[in-house]
Amino acid sequence: MGISYDAVGFQDGNTHQIPGFFTVLGIGDGLVGFDLSAFAGSANREQRATDSPIDRLAVDAFGVFRPGAWVRPNDRSFDMRLLHALAAELGLGFERDGRSAISGTRFLVHLGARADLPLSPASEPTEVRVRLAVRRGIGLYTPELSSRSMPDAIQVGDSAAELYLALVVVF
């Protein structure tokens, strides 16, 4: 679960916190890995009462680079496990942005970073972690949402960032 920081559709032009849901499937826990993720962000009832925020649905495919994995790779101490799990993400994504029946799509560049806090003992074959991560989708173009019922078209720009906290199982 997490939060998306977004200004699109808000009359004041300021960035607002929008609830978000994240899921990630990863392959590889060493120096490099490959992940697939899905993201959904939708404003709550109070935000919709006064503004017209958009909903975002995205799927991303990205590489994961863990530079700390080079440092003492066989050391399973807590500090080294924490360092080994620090990661940067880079890849591509596809996003659907809209309000009810009015929507647009765009391709984006996925940028991200994450830190995993190990919870289980190092001796266990399966590791449980708490992940704090940030994601940013940089659109390759800007869709425009319009309809007869909307007085002005909405330019769908990038959100400021998405931040999430997750429980992770590594096996």
N, C-alpha and C. Protein backbone atom coordinates (compact mmCIF):
# COMPACT_ATOMS: atom_id res chain seq x y z
N MET A 1 0.85 -1.17 0.00
CA MET A 1 0.00 0.00 0.00
C MET A 1 0.89 1.22 0.00
N GLY A 2 0.34 2.31 -0.58
CA GLY A 2 1.14 3.50 -0.63
C GLY A 2 0.36 4.74 -1.00
N ILE A 3 1.10 5.74 -1.45
CA ILE A 3 0.53 7.04 -1.77
C ILE A 3 1.13 7.52 -3.09
N SER A 4 0.28 8.10 -3.91
CA SER A 4 0.72 8.78 -5.12
C SER A 4 0.60 10.27 -4.88
N TYR A 5 1.62 11.01 -5.23
CA TYR A 5 1.59 12.47 -5.10
C TYR A 5 1.29 13.04 -6.48
N ASP A 6 0.10 13.62 -6.64
CA ASP A 6 -0.38 14.00 -7.97
C ASP A 6 -1.12 15.33 -7.91
N ALA A 7 -0.97 16.13 -8.95
CA ALA A 7 -1.66 17.43 -9.04
C ALA A 7 -2.68 17.46 -10.17
N VAL A 8 -2.69 16.46 -11.05
CA VAL A 8 -3.57 16.46 -12.22
C VAL A 8 -5.04 16.37 -11.78
N GLY A 9 -5.85 17.32 -12.24
CA GLY A 9 -7.27 17.32 -11.95
C GLY A 9 -7.67 18.10 -10.71
N PHE A 10 -6.71 18.65 -9.99
CA PHE A 10 -7.01 19.45 -8.81
C PHE A 10 -7.01 20.92 -9.19
N GLN A 11 -8.05 21.63 -8.79
CA GLN A 11 -8.22 23.02 -9.18
C GLN A 11 -7.13 23.94 -8.65
N ASP A 12 -6.61 23.65 -7.46
CA ASP A 12 -5.59 24.54 -6.89
C ASP A 12 -4.21 24.34 -7.50
N GLY A 13 -4.02 23.27 -8.31
CA GLY A 13 -2.74 23.02 -8.95
C GLY A 13 -1.68 22.46 -8.03
N ASN A 14 -2.01 22.25 -6.76
CA ASN A 14 -1.06 21.70 -5.80
C ASN A 14 -1.05 20.17 -5.87
N THR A 15 0.05 19.60 -5.40
CA THR A 15 0.17 18.15 -5.33
C THR A 15 -0.60 17.64 -4.11
N HIS A 16 -1.39 16.59 -4.33
CA HIS A 16 -2.20 15.98 -3.27
C HIS A 16 -1.82 14.51 -3.11
N GLN A 17 -2.09 13.97 -1.92
CA GLN A 17 -1.85 12.56 -1.66
C GLN A 17 -3.06 11.75 -2.10
N ILE A 18 -2.81 10.76 -2.96
CA ILE A 18 -3.87 9.89 -3.46
C ILE A 18 -3.52 8.45 -3.06
N PRO A 19 -4.46 7.69 -2.50
CA PRO A 19 -4.16 6.31 -2.12
C PRO A 19 -3.73 5.48 -3.33
N GLY A 20 -2.76 4.59 -3.10
CA GLY A 20 -2.26 3.74 -4.18
C GLY A 20 -2.10 2.30 -3.73
N PHE A 21 -2.20 1.41 -4.70
CA PHE A 21 -2.00 -0.01 -4.46
C PHE A 21 -0.90 -0.49 -5.40
N PHE A 22 0.03 -1.27 -4.90
CA PHE A 22 1.18 -1.72 -5.67
C PHE A 22 1.34 -3.22 -5.52
N THR A 23 1.77 -3.88 -6.58
CA THR A 23 2.15 -5.28 -6.50
C THR A 23 3.36 -5.48 -7.41
N VAL A 24 4.32 -6.29 -6.95
CA VAL A 24 5.55 -6.49 -7.71
C VAL A 24 5.92 -7.96 -7.67
N LEU A 25 6.33 -8.48 -8.81
CA LEU A 25 6.87 -9.84 -8.91
C LEU A 25 8.29 -9.70 -9.44
N GLY A 26 9.24 -10.24 -8.71
CA GLY A 26 10.64 -10.09 -9.10
C GLY A 26 11.34 -11.41 -9.32
N ILE A 27 12.34 -11.36 -10.20
CA ILE A 27 13.19 -12.52 -10.46
C ILE A 27 14.63 -12.07 -10.27
N GLY A 28 15.36 -12.73 -9.41
CA GLY A 28 16.76 -12.41 -9.17
C GLY A 28 16.93 -11.51 -7.97
N ASP A 29 17.79 -11.93 -7.04
CA ASP A 29 18.03 -11.17 -5.82
C ASP A 29 19.51 -10.84 -5.66
N GLY A 30 20.29 -11.00 -6.70
CA GLY A 30 21.71 -10.68 -6.64
C GLY A 30 21.97 -9.28 -7.15
N LEU A 31 23.05 -9.12 -7.91
CA LEU A 31 23.44 -7.82 -8.43
C LEU A 31 22.38 -7.22 -9.34
N VAL A 32 21.78 -8.03 -10.21
CA VAL A 32 20.72 -7.55 -11.11
C VAL A 32 19.51 -8.46 -11.01
N GLY A 33 18.37 -7.90 -11.32
CA GLY A 33 17.12 -8.66 -11.32
C GLY A 33 16.18 -8.05 -12.33
N PHE A 34 15.03 -8.67 -12.47
CA PHE A 34 14.00 -8.19 -13.39
C PHE A 34 12.67 -8.25 -12.66
N ASP A 35 11.91 -7.16 -12.71
CA ASP A 35 10.63 -7.10 -12.00
C ASP A 35 9.51 -6.68 -12.93
N LEU A 36 8.32 -7.16 -12.61
CA LEU A 36 7.08 -6.72 -13.24
C LEU A 36 6.22 -6.13 -12.13
N SER A 37 5.60 -4.99 -12.39
CA SER A 37 4.78 -4.39 -11.34
C SER A 37 3.47 -3.86 -11.91
N ALA A 38 2.50 -3.74 -11.02
CA ALA A 38 1.22 -3.12 -11.35
C ALA A 38 0.95 -2.07 -10.28
N PHE A 39 0.40 -0.94 -10.72
CA PHE A 39 0.11 0.17 -9.82
C PHE A 39 -1.29 0.69 -10.13
N ALA A 40 -2.04 1.02 -9.08
CA ALA A 40 -3.36 1.65 -9.23
C ALA A 40 -3.47 2.77 -8.21
N GLY A 41 -3.84 3.95 -8.69
CA GLY A 41 -4.05 5.09 -7.81
C GLY A 41 -5.40 5.71 -8.11
N SER A 42 -6.20 5.90 -7.08
CA SER A 42 -7.54 6.45 -7.25
C SER A 42 -7.87 7.35 -6.07
N ALA A 43 -8.36 8.54 -6.36
CA ALA A 43 -8.68 9.52 -5.31
C ALA A 43 -9.82 9.02 -4.43
N ASN A 44 -9.86 9.52 -3.22
CA ASN A 44 -10.93 9.14 -2.31
C ASN A 44 -12.17 10.03 -2.53
N ARG A 45 -13.24 9.72 -1.84
CA ARG A 45 -14.52 10.40 -2.03
C ARG A 45 -14.43 11.90 -1.73
N GLU A 46 -13.71 12.27 -0.68
CA GLU A 46 -13.59 13.68 -0.32
C GLU A 46 -12.88 14.47 -1.42
N GLN A 47 -11.84 13.88 -2.02
CA GLN A 47 -11.11 14.56 -3.09
C GLN A 47 -11.99 14.73 -4.33
N ARG A 48 -12.83 13.75 -4.60
CA ARG A 48 -13.70 13.81 -5.78
C ARG A 48 -14.87 14.79 -5.58
N ALA A 49 -15.21 15.10 -4.34
CA ALA A 49 -16.33 15.99 -4.07
C ALA A 49 -16.03 17.42 -4.52
N THR A 50 -14.78 17.84 -4.45
CA THR A 50 -14.44 19.22 -4.77
C THR A 50 -13.58 19.37 -6.03
N ASP A 51 -12.93 18.30 -6.48
CA ASP A 51 -12.03 18.37 -7.64
C ASP A 51 -12.33 17.23 -8.60
N SER A 52 -11.54 17.16 -9.67
CA SER A 52 -11.70 16.11 -10.67
C SER A 52 -10.39 15.36 -10.89
N PRO A 53 -9.87 14.71 -9.85
CA PRO A 53 -8.60 13.98 -10.02
C PRO A 53 -8.78 12.79 -10.96
N ILE A 54 -7.69 12.37 -11.56
CA ILE A 54 -7.73 11.23 -12.46
C ILE A 54 -7.31 9.96 -11.72
N ASP A 55 -7.70 8.83 -12.27
CA ASP A 55 -7.25 7.52 -11.79
C ASP A 55 -6.09 7.10 -12.68
N ARG A 56 -5.11 6.44 -12.09
CA ARG A 56 -3.96 5.94 -12.85
C ARG A 56 -3.85 4.44 -12.64
N LEU A 57 -3.69 3.71 -13.72
CA LEU A 57 -3.42 2.27 -13.71
C LEU A 57 -2.18 2.06 -14.55
N ALA A 58 -1.18 1.37 -14.02
CA ALA A 58 0.06 1.19 -14.76
C ALA A 58 0.61 -0.22 -14.60
N VAL A 59 1.26 -0.69 -15.64
CA VAL A 59 2.05 -1.92 -15.57
C VAL A 59 3.46 -1.55 -16.05
N ASP A 60 4.45 -2.04 -15.34
CA ASP A 60 5.85 -1.72 -15.63
C ASP A 60 6.67 -2.99 -15.71
N ALA A 61 7.69 -2.96 -16.55
CA ALA A 61 8.70 -4.01 -16.62
C ALA A 61 10.04 -3.29 -16.49
N PHE A 62 10.85 -3.71 -15.51
CA PHE A 62 12.06 -2.94 -15.27
C PHE A 62 13.18 -3.81 -14.70
N GLY A 63 14.39 -3.35 -14.94
CA GLY A 63 15.56 -3.99 -14.37
C GLY A 63 15.84 -3.42 -13.00
N VAL A 64 16.41 -4.25 -12.14
CA VAL A 64 16.76 -3.86 -10.77
C VAL A 64 18.27 -4.02 -10.62
N PHE A 65 18.92 -2.97 -10.18
CA PHE A 65 20.37 -2.98 -9.99
C PHE A 65 20.68 -2.74 -8.52
N ARG A 66 21.42 -3.68 -7.92
CA ARG A 66 21.78 -3.61 -6.50
C ARG A 66 23.30 -3.45 -6.37
N PRO A 67 23.80 -2.23 -6.38
CA PRO A 67 25.26 -2.03 -6.34
C PRO A 67 25.91 -2.53 -5.06
N GLY A 68 25.17 -2.56 -3.95
CA GLY A 68 25.71 -3.06 -2.69
C GLY A 68 25.98 -4.55 -2.69
N ALA A 69 25.48 -5.27 -3.67
CA ALA A 69 25.69 -6.72 -3.74
C ALA A 69 27.16 -7.07 -3.97
N TRP A 70 27.94 -6.13 -4.48
CA TRP A 70 29.38 -6.37 -4.69
C TRP A 70 30.18 -6.32 -3.40
N VAL A 71 29.65 -5.66 -2.39
CA VAL A 71 30.38 -5.48 -1.14
C VAL A 71 30.19 -6.71 -0.25
N ARG A 72 31.28 -7.41 0.01
CA ARG A 72 31.26 -8.61 0.86
C ARG A 72 30.02 -9.47 0.60
N PRO A 73 29.91 -10.07 -0.58
CA PRO A 73 28.69 -10.80 -0.96
C PRO A 73 28.35 -12.00 -0.07
N ASN A 74 29.31 -12.59 0.61
CA ASN A 74 29.04 -13.75 1.47
C ASN A 74 28.73 -13.39 2.91
N ASP A 75 28.80 -12.12 3.24
CA ASP A 75 28.53 -11.66 4.61
C ASP A 75 27.01 -11.58 4.80
N ARG A 76 26.46 -12.35 5.74
CA ARG A 76 25.01 -12.39 5.98
C ARG A 76 24.63 -11.63 7.25
N SER A 77 25.48 -10.70 7.70
CA SER A 77 25.14 -9.89 8.87
C SER A 77 23.98 -8.96 8.50
N PHE A 78 23.31 -8.44 9.52
CA PHE A 78 22.15 -7.58 9.28
C PHE A 78 22.52 -6.36 8.42
N ASP A 79 23.63 -5.70 8.75
CA ASP A 79 24.05 -4.51 8.00
C ASP A 79 24.30 -4.83 6.52
N MET A 80 24.96 -5.95 6.26
CA MET A 80 25.27 -6.31 4.88
C MET A 80 24.01 -6.75 4.13
N ARG A 81 23.10 -7.43 4.80
CA ARG A 81 21.84 -7.80 4.15
C ARG A 81 21.05 -6.55 3.76
N LEU A 82 21.08 -5.54 4.62
CA LEU A 82 20.42 -4.27 4.33
C LEU A 82 21.10 -3.60 3.13
N LEU A 83 22.41 -3.55 3.11
CA LEU A 83 23.16 -2.94 2.00
C LEU A 83 22.93 -3.71 0.69
N HIS A 84 22.96 -5.03 0.75
CA HIS A 84 22.79 -5.85 -0.46
C HIS A 84 21.42 -5.65 -1.10
N ALA A 85 20.42 -5.27 -0.32
CA ALA A 85 19.05 -5.14 -0.85
C ALA A 85 18.73 -3.74 -1.37
N LEU A 86 19.59 -2.74 -1.13
CA LEU A 86 19.34 -1.40 -1.68
C LEU A 86 19.38 -1.48 -3.20
N ALA A 87 18.40 -0.89 -3.87
CA ALA A 87 18.31 -1.08 -5.32
C ALA A 87 17.82 0.16 -6.05
N ALA A 88 18.22 0.25 -7.30
CA ALA A 88 17.72 1.26 -8.24
C ALA A 88 16.98 0.52 -9.34
N GLU A 89 15.92 1.15 -9.89
CA GLU A 89 15.08 0.52 -10.91
C GLU A 89 15.04 1.39 -12.16
N LEU A 90 15.05 0.74 -13.32
CA LEU A 90 14.93 1.44 -14.59
C LEU A 90 14.23 0.53 -15.58
N GLY A 91 13.21 1.05 -16.25
CA GLY A 91 12.49 0.24 -17.23
C GLY A 91 11.43 1.03 -17.96
N LEU A 92 10.48 0.32 -18.54
CA LEU A 92 9.40 0.91 -19.31
C LEU A 92 8.05 0.52 -18.71
N GLY A 93 7.05 1.36 -18.97
CA GLY A 93 5.72 1.08 -18.46
C GLY A 93 4.65 1.56 -19.40
N PHE A 94 3.43 1.16 -19.09
CA PHE A 94 2.25 1.57 -19.84
C PHE A 94 1.21 2.00 -18.82
N GLU A 95 0.61 3.17 -19.03
CA GLU A 95 -0.30 3.73 -18.04
C GLU A 95 -1.61 4.15 -18.69
N ARG A 96 -2.71 3.87 -17.99
CA ARG A 96 -4.04 4.34 -18.39
C ARG A 96 -4.43 5.41 -17.38
N ASP A 97 -4.76 6.58 -17.88
CA ASP A 97 -5.13 7.70 -17.03
C ASP A 97 -6.54 8.13 -17.39
N GLY A 98 -7.40 8.36 -16.40
CA GLY A 98 -8.73 8.80 -16.77
C GLY A 98 -9.66 9.01 -15.61
N ARG A 99 -10.87 9.39 -16.00
CA ARG A 99 -11.99 9.56 -15.08
C ARG A 99 -13.18 8.87 -15.73
N SER A 100 -13.71 7.89 -15.07
CA SER A 100 -14.82 7.06 -15.56
C SER A 100 -14.60 6.66 -17.02
N ALA A 101 -15.45 7.09 -17.94
CA ALA A 101 -15.36 6.65 -19.34
C ALA A 101 -14.37 7.47 -20.17
N ILE A 102 -13.86 8.55 -19.63
CA ILE A 102 -12.92 9.39 -20.36
C ILE A 102 -11.51 8.99 -19.95
N SER A 103 -10.72 8.49 -20.89
CA SER A 103 -9.38 8.04 -20.52
C SER A 103 -8.41 8.21 -21.67
N GLY A 104 -7.15 8.15 -21.32
CA GLY A 104 -6.06 8.18 -22.29
C GLY A 104 -4.99 7.23 -21.83
N THR A 105 -4.10 6.89 -22.70
CA THR A 105 -3.00 5.99 -22.36
C THR A 105 -1.68 6.63 -22.76
N ARG A 106 -0.62 6.14 -22.17
CA ARG A 106 0.71 6.63 -22.53
C ARG A 106 1.76 5.62 -22.11
N PHE A 107 2.87 5.64 -22.82
CA PHE A 107 4.03 4.86 -22.42
C PHE A 107 4.90 5.74 -21.55
N LEU A 108 5.64 5.12 -20.63
CA LEU A 108 6.46 5.90 -19.73
C LEU A 108 7.77 5.19 -19.42
N VAL A 109 8.70 5.97 -18.90
CA VAL A 109 9.96 5.44 -18.39
C VAL A 109 9.79 5.28 -16.89
N HIS A 110 10.08 4.10 -16.40
CA HIS A 110 9.95 3.78 -14.97
C HIS A 110 11.30 4.05 -14.30
N LEU A 111 11.29 4.90 -13.27
CA LEU A 111 12.46 5.13 -12.42
C LEU A 111 12.06 4.80 -11.00
N GLY A 112 12.95 4.18 -10.25
CA GLY A 112 12.60 3.85 -8.88
C GLY A 112 13.81 3.56 -8.02
N ALA A 113 13.56 3.51 -6.73
CA ALA A 113 14.58 3.14 -5.76
C ALA A 113 13.88 2.46 -4.59
N ARG A 114 14.61 1.58 -3.91
CA ARG A 114 13.99 0.87 -2.80
C ARG A 114 15.03 0.41 -1.78
N ALA A 115 14.55 0.25 -0.56
CA ALA A 115 15.36 -0.27 0.54
C ALA A 115 14.54 -1.35 1.23
N ASP A 116 15.17 -2.49 1.47
CA ASP A 116 14.50 -3.60 2.15
C ASP A 116 15.12 -3.80 3.53
N LEU A 117 14.27 -3.89 4.53
CA LEU A 117 14.69 -4.15 5.90
C LEU A 117 14.43 -5.62 6.21
N PRO A 118 15.47 -6.44 6.40
CA PRO A 118 15.27 -7.86 6.68
C PRO A 118 14.60 -8.08 8.04
N LEU A 119 13.61 -8.97 8.07
CA LEU A 119 12.92 -9.30 9.31
C LEU A 119 13.26 -10.69 9.82
N SER A 120 13.56 -11.62 8.92
CA SER A 120 13.82 -13.00 9.32
C SER A 120 15.31 -13.22 9.56
N PRO A 121 15.65 -14.26 10.33
CA PRO A 121 17.06 -14.57 10.58
C PRO A 121 17.78 -14.93 9.28
N ALA A 122 19.06 -14.63 9.23
CA ALA A 122 19.87 -14.91 8.04
C ALA A 122 19.96 -16.41 7.74
N SER A 123 19.77 -17.25 8.73
CA SER A 123 19.88 -18.70 8.55
C SER A 123 18.68 -19.31 7.83
N GLU A 124 17.59 -18.58 7.73
CA GLU A 124 16.38 -19.09 7.09
C GLU A 124 16.54 -19.11 5.57
N PRO A 125 16.04 -20.16 4.88
CA PRO A 125 16.15 -20.20 3.42
C PRO A 125 15.22 -19.19 2.72
N THR A 126 14.12 -18.84 3.36
CA THR A 126 13.19 -17.84 2.84
C THR A 126 13.29 -16.61 3.73
N GLU A 127 13.44 -15.45 3.07
CA GLU A 127 13.62 -14.23 3.84
C GLU A 127 12.38 -13.35 3.74
N VAL A 128 11.97 -12.78 4.87
CA VAL A 128 10.86 -11.83 4.91
C VAL A 128 11.46 -10.44 5.15
N ARG A 129 10.98 -9.47 4.35
CA ARG A 129 11.50 -8.11 4.43
C ARG A 129 10.36 -7.10 4.41
N VAL A 130 10.63 -5.91 4.91
CA VAL A 130 9.74 -4.77 4.74
C VAL A 130 10.42 -3.85 3.73
N ARG A 131 9.70 -3.48 2.69
CA ARG A 131 10.26 -2.66 1.62
C ARG A 131 9.67 -1.25 1.65
N LEU A 132 10.53 -0.27 1.59
CA LEU A 132 10.14 1.11 1.38
C LEU A 132 10.66 1.48 0.00
N ALA A 133 9.75 1.90 -0.88
CA ALA A 133 10.14 2.15 -2.26
C ALA A 133 9.49 3.41 -2.80
N VAL A 134 10.13 3.99 -3.79
CA VAL A 134 9.60 5.14 -4.50
C VAL A 134 9.64 4.82 -5.99
N ARG A 135 8.59 5.24 -6.69
CA ARG A 135 8.46 4.99 -8.13
C ARG A 135 8.11 6.31 -8.79
N ARG A 136 8.62 6.52 -9.99
CA ARG A 136 8.25 7.69 -10.77
C ARG A 136 8.11 7.26 -12.21
N GLY A 137 6.96 7.58 -12.81
CA GLY A 137 6.74 7.29 -14.22
C GLY A 137 6.84 8.58 -15.01
N ILE A 138 7.80 8.65 -15.92
CA ILE A 138 7.98 9.83 -16.76
C ILE A 138 7.38 9.52 -18.13
N GLY A 139 6.27 10.20 -18.43
CA GLY A 139 5.55 9.94 -19.66
C GLY A 139 6.33 10.32 -20.90
N LEU A 140 6.21 9.50 -21.95
CA LEU A 140 6.87 9.80 -23.22
C LEU A 140 6.04 10.77 -24.05
N TYR A 141 4.79 10.98 -23.66
CA TYR A 141 3.92 11.99 -24.27
C TYR A 141 2.82 12.31 -23.27
N THR A 142 2.06 13.38 -23.55
CA THR A 142 1.03 13.86 -22.62
C THR A 142 -0.35 13.70 -23.24
N PRO A 143 -1.14 12.74 -22.76
CA PRO A 143 -2.51 12.62 -23.28
C PRO A 143 -3.39 13.78 -22.81
N GLU A 144 -4.42 14.04 -23.58
CA GLU A 144 -5.38 15.10 -23.24
C GLU A 144 -6.76 14.46 -23.11
N LEU A 145 -7.41 14.69 -21.97
CA LEU A 145 -8.74 14.14 -21.73
C LEU A 145 -9.77 15.24 -21.96
N SER A 146 -10.76 14.95 -22.78
CA SER A 146 -11.81 15.94 -23.02
C SER A 146 -13.12 15.24 -23.36
N SER A 147 -14.21 15.97 -23.11
CA SER A 147 -15.54 15.48 -23.47
C SER A 147 -16.47 16.69 -23.53
N ARG A 148 -17.67 16.45 -24.00
CA ARG A 148 -18.63 17.55 -24.08
C ARG A 148 -19.04 18.06 -22.70
N SER A 149 -19.01 17.20 -21.70
CA SER A 149 -19.43 17.60 -20.36
C SER A 149 -18.34 18.34 -19.57
N MET A 150 -17.08 18.27 -20.05
CA MET A 150 -15.99 18.96 -19.37
C MET A 150 -15.69 20.27 -20.09
N PRO A 151 -15.72 21.40 -19.39
CA PRO A 151 -15.48 22.68 -20.04
C PRO A 151 -14.06 22.82 -20.58
N ASP A 152 -13.09 22.30 -19.87
CA ASP A 152 -11.69 22.39 -20.28
C ASP A 152 -11.08 21.01 -20.38
N ALA A 153 -10.22 20.81 -21.37
CA ALA A 153 -9.50 19.55 -21.50
C ALA A 153 -8.45 19.46 -20.40
N ILE A 154 -8.17 18.24 -19.95
CA ILE A 154 -7.17 18.01 -18.91
C ILE A 154 -5.92 17.42 -19.56
N GLN A 155 -4.81 18.10 -19.38
CA GLN A 155 -3.51 17.59 -19.82
C GLN A 155 -3.00 16.65 -18.72
N VAL A 156 -2.78 15.40 -19.06
CA VAL A 156 -2.34 14.42 -18.06
C VAL A 156 -0.82 14.36 -18.05
N GLY A 157 -0.25 15.09 -17.08
CA GLY A 157 1.20 15.06 -16.89
C GLY A 157 1.60 13.97 -15.92
N ASP A 158 2.85 13.97 -15.59
CA ASP A 158 3.38 12.97 -14.67
C ASP A 158 2.95 13.27 -13.24
N SER A 159 2.81 12.25 -12.44
CA SER A 159 2.63 12.46 -11.01
C SER A 159 4.00 12.82 -10.44
N ALA A 160 4.02 13.41 -9.27
CA ALA A 160 5.31 13.78 -8.66
C ALA A 160 6.10 12.53 -8.29
N ALA A 161 5.44 11.55 -7.69
CA ALA A 161 6.09 10.29 -7.31
C ALA A 161 5.04 9.40 -6.65
N GLU A 162 5.36 8.13 -6.55
CA GLU A 162 4.56 7.17 -5.79
C GLU A 162 5.47 6.56 -4.74
N LEU A 163 4.98 6.49 -3.53
CA LEU A 163 5.75 5.97 -2.41
C LEU A 163 4.96 4.82 -1.80
N TYR A 164 5.64 3.68 -1.52
CA TYR A 164 4.90 2.58 -0.93
C TYR A 164 5.73 1.78 0.06
N LEU A 165 5.01 1.10 0.91
CA LEU A 165 5.56 0.21 1.92
C LEU A 165 4.95 -1.17 1.66
N ALA A 166 5.81 -2.19 1.64
CA ALA A 166 5.30 -3.54 1.30
C ALA A 166 6.00 -4.61 2.14
N LEU A 167 5.30 -5.71 2.30
CA LEU A 167 5.88 -6.90 2.89
C LEU A 167 6.37 -7.77 1.74
N VAL A 168 7.65 -8.20 1.80
CA VAL A 168 8.28 -8.91 0.70
C VAL A 168 8.75 -10.28 1.18
N VAL A 169 8.53 -11.30 0.35
CA VAL A 169 9.03 -12.64 0.63
C VAL A 169 10.02 -13.00 -0.48
N VAL A 170 11.25 -13.33 -0.08
CA VAL A 170 12.31 -13.69 -1.03
C VAL A 170 12.65 -15.15 -0.81
N PHE A 171 12.52 -15.95 -1.88
CA PHE A 171 12.86 -17.38 -1.77
C PHE A 171 13.65 -17.82 -2.97
